[in-house]
Amino acid sequence: MRPFIVALLLLLPGERAIAQSRWKEIGKTSSGNSVYVDPRSVKTVNGIVNARVRVKFTVPVETPQGKWVTSQHVAMFDCAKSTVAAKETIYFADETGTKIVERKTIAKPGFGPALGGSMAKVALDYMCAAKSKP
């Protein structure tokens, strides 16, 4: 039994690396925050691109609820109208995304413009550029 546990513990760091490698960096915000997408989450339905996007803050954001180190967003991108809508946002106190500080789920997401230099604009530009390629 003991050799099995040792073998399992040796594999754990590799499993974490595999989990973290699922994110592909797609750009940086105007404040230097890295923006990532989970390529496996990208799906297009009726012309709307759905994806999970992650942001790693270069400087953690202090809030009354706690420190935000990373965030993940489930978002929808309408390339024809250049608009974006958030379905869910989760802020984490750690880089690995295990300690949730705040979670918001939007019951009726509404599309709107993405502000220049924002995470939404970086992701919209990436999703729509990828969609327009043959």
Protein backbone atom coordinates (compact mmCIF):
# COMPACT_ATOMS: atom_id res chain seq x y z
CA MET A 1 0.00 0.00 0.00
CA ARG A 2 2.78 2.44 0.89
CA PRO A 3 4.54 2.31 -2.55
CA PHE A 4 1.19 3.15 -4.16
CA ILE A 5 0.82 6.28 -2.01
CA VAL A 6 4.38 7.38 -2.78
CA ALA A 7 3.77 6.91 -6.51
CA LEU A 8 0.54 8.87 -6.29
CA LEU A 9 2.25 11.76 -4.48
CA LEU A 10 4.97 11.87 -7.13
CA LEU A 11 2.33 12.23 -9.84
CA LEU A 12 0.41 15.08 -8.20
CA PRO A 13 2.73 17.95 -9.22
CA GLY A 14 2.51 16.73 -12.83
CA GLU A 15 -1.28 16.66 -12.64
CA ARG A 16 -1.30 20.30 -11.50
CA ALA A 17 0.97 21.26 -14.40
CA ILE A 18 -1.37 19.51 -16.84
CA ALA A 19 -4.40 21.30 -15.37
CA GLN A 20 -2.68 24.69 -15.59
CA SER A 21 -1.50 24.02 -19.14
CA ARG A 22 -5.09 23.98 -20.36
CA TRP A 23 -5.01 27.78 -20.46
CA LYS A 24 -3.65 29.49 -23.59
CA GLU A 25 -2.41 33.07 -23.22
CA ILE A 26 -4.17 35.31 -25.74
CA GLY A 27 -2.93 38.77 -24.77
CA LYS A 28 -2.59 41.40 -22.07
CA THR A 29 -4.87 44.15 -20.84
CA SER A 30 -3.76 47.78 -20.91
CA SER A 31 -2.68 47.39 -17.26
CA GLY A 32 -0.51 44.37 -18.10
CA ASN A 33 -2.78 41.61 -16.77
CA SER A 34 -2.39 38.35 -18.70
CA VAL A 35 -5.56 37.03 -20.38
CA TYR A 36 -6.00 33.32 -21.10
CA VAL A 37 -8.65 31.14 -22.75
CA ASP A 38 -9.45 27.48 -22.20
CA PRO A 39 -9.45 26.25 -25.84
CA ARG A 40 -11.61 23.25 -24.90
CA SER A 41 -14.36 25.59 -23.69
CA VAL A 42 -14.72 27.52 -26.96
CA LYS A 43 -18.00 26.65 -28.66
CA THR A 44 -20.10 28.51 -31.23
CA VAL A 45 -23.90 28.31 -31.11
CA ASN A 46 -26.10 30.38 -33.47
CA GLY A 47 -23.19 32.71 -34.26
CA ILE A 48 -22.36 33.37 -30.60
CA VAL A 49 -18.95 32.20 -29.33
CA ASN A 50 -18.98 30.89 -25.74
CA ALA A 51 -15.70 30.50 -23.83
CA ARG A 52 -14.07 30.39 -20.39
CA VAL A 53 -11.55 33.21 -19.97
CA ARG A 54 -9.00 33.66 -17.17
CA VAL A 55 -7.17 36.78 -16.00
CA LYS A 56 -4.05 36.81 -13.83
CA PHE A 57 -3.68 40.18 -12.14
CA THR A 58 -0.12 41.56 -12.18
CA VAL A 59 -0.92 43.36 -8.94
CA PRO A 60 -3.55 41.63 -6.77
CA VAL A 61 -6.70 43.69 -6.29
CA GLU A 62 -7.66 44.44 -2.68
CA THR A 63 -11.41 44.27 -2.00
CA PRO A 64 -13.49 44.22 1.19
CA GLN A 65 -14.15 40.50 0.51
CA GLY A 66 -10.44 39.69 0.11
CA LYS A 67 -7.57 39.84 -2.38
CA TRP A 68 -8.22 38.98 -6.05
CA VAL A 69 -5.22 37.24 -7.62
CA THR A 70 -6.96 35.62 -10.62
CA SER A 71 -10.43 35.57 -12.12
CA GLN A 72 -12.35 33.29 -14.44
CA HIS A 73 -15.24 34.33 -16.63
CA VAL A 74 -17.75 32.43 -18.72
CA ALA A 75 -18.52 34.83 -21.52
CA MET A 76 -20.39 35.08 -24.80
CA PHE A 77 -18.99 36.94 -27.81
CA ASP A 78 -21.11 38.25 -30.70
CA CYS A 79 -18.53 38.86 -33.42
CA ALA A 80 -21.08 40.28 -35.88
CA LYS A 81 -21.96 43.08 -33.45
CA SER A 82 -18.58 43.27 -31.61
CA THR A 83 -20.29 42.83 -28.26
CA VAL A 84 -19.71 40.66 -25.21
CA ALA A 85 -21.84 39.33 -22.35
CA ALA A 86 -20.72 37.73 -19.08
CA LYS A 87 -22.55 34.67 -17.78
CA GLU A 88 -20.39 34.00 -14.71
CA THR A 89 -17.45 35.61 -12.94
CA ILE A 90 -15.34 34.05 -10.20
CA TYR A 91 -12.53 35.85 -8.35
CA PHE A 92 -9.84 33.77 -6.63
CA ALA A 93 -7.38 34.55 -3.83
CA ASP A 94 -4.76 32.21 -5.30
CA GLU A 95 -3.15 31.51 -8.68
CA THR A 96 -4.34 27.91 -8.78
CA GLY A 97 -8.00 28.95 -8.65
CA THR A 98 -8.98 27.04 -5.52
CA LYS A 99 -9.82 29.78 -2.97
CA ILE A 100 -12.97 31.61 -4.13
CA VAL A 101 -13.29 35.19 -2.89
CA GLU A 102 -16.39 36.14 -4.87
CA ARG A 103 -18.69 34.45 -7.37
CA LYS A 104 -21.29 36.15 -9.57
CA THR A 105 -23.74 34.39 -11.87
CA ILE A 106 -25.78 36.56 -14.18
CA ALA A 107 -29.33 35.27 -14.67
CA LYS A 108 -29.97 37.24 -17.88
CA PRO A 109 -26.67 38.27 -19.49
CA GLY A 110 -26.85 41.38 -21.63
CA PHE A 111 -24.54 42.14 -24.54
CA GLY A 112 -22.59 45.37 -24.59
CA PRO A 113 -19.42 46.89 -26.00
CA ALA A 114 -16.00 45.82 -24.73
CA LEU A 115 -13.89 48.69 -23.45
CA GLY A 116 -10.51 49.15 -25.14
CA GLY A 117 -7.66 47.56 -23.19
CA SER A 118 -9.99 45.46 -21.03
CA MET A 119 -10.03 41.68 -20.60
CA ALA A 120 -13.31 41.60 -22.53
CA LYS A 121 -11.78 43.47 -25.49
CA VAL A 122 -8.69 41.22 -25.56
CA ALA A 123 -10.91 38.13 -25.52
CA LEU A 124 -13.40 39.54 -28.08
CA ASP A 125 -10.59 40.40 -30.50
CA TYR A 126 -9.07 36.93 -30.09
CA MET A 127 -12.37 35.03 -30.45
CA CYS A 128 -13.50 37.00 -33.47
CA ALA A 129 -10.11 36.86 -35.22
CA ALA A 130 -10.03 33.08 -34.71
CA LYS A 131 -13.60 32.78 -36.01
CA SER A 132 -12.93 34.80 -39.16
CA LYS A 133 -9.96 32.62 -40.24
CA PRO A 134 -10.84 30.03 -42.89
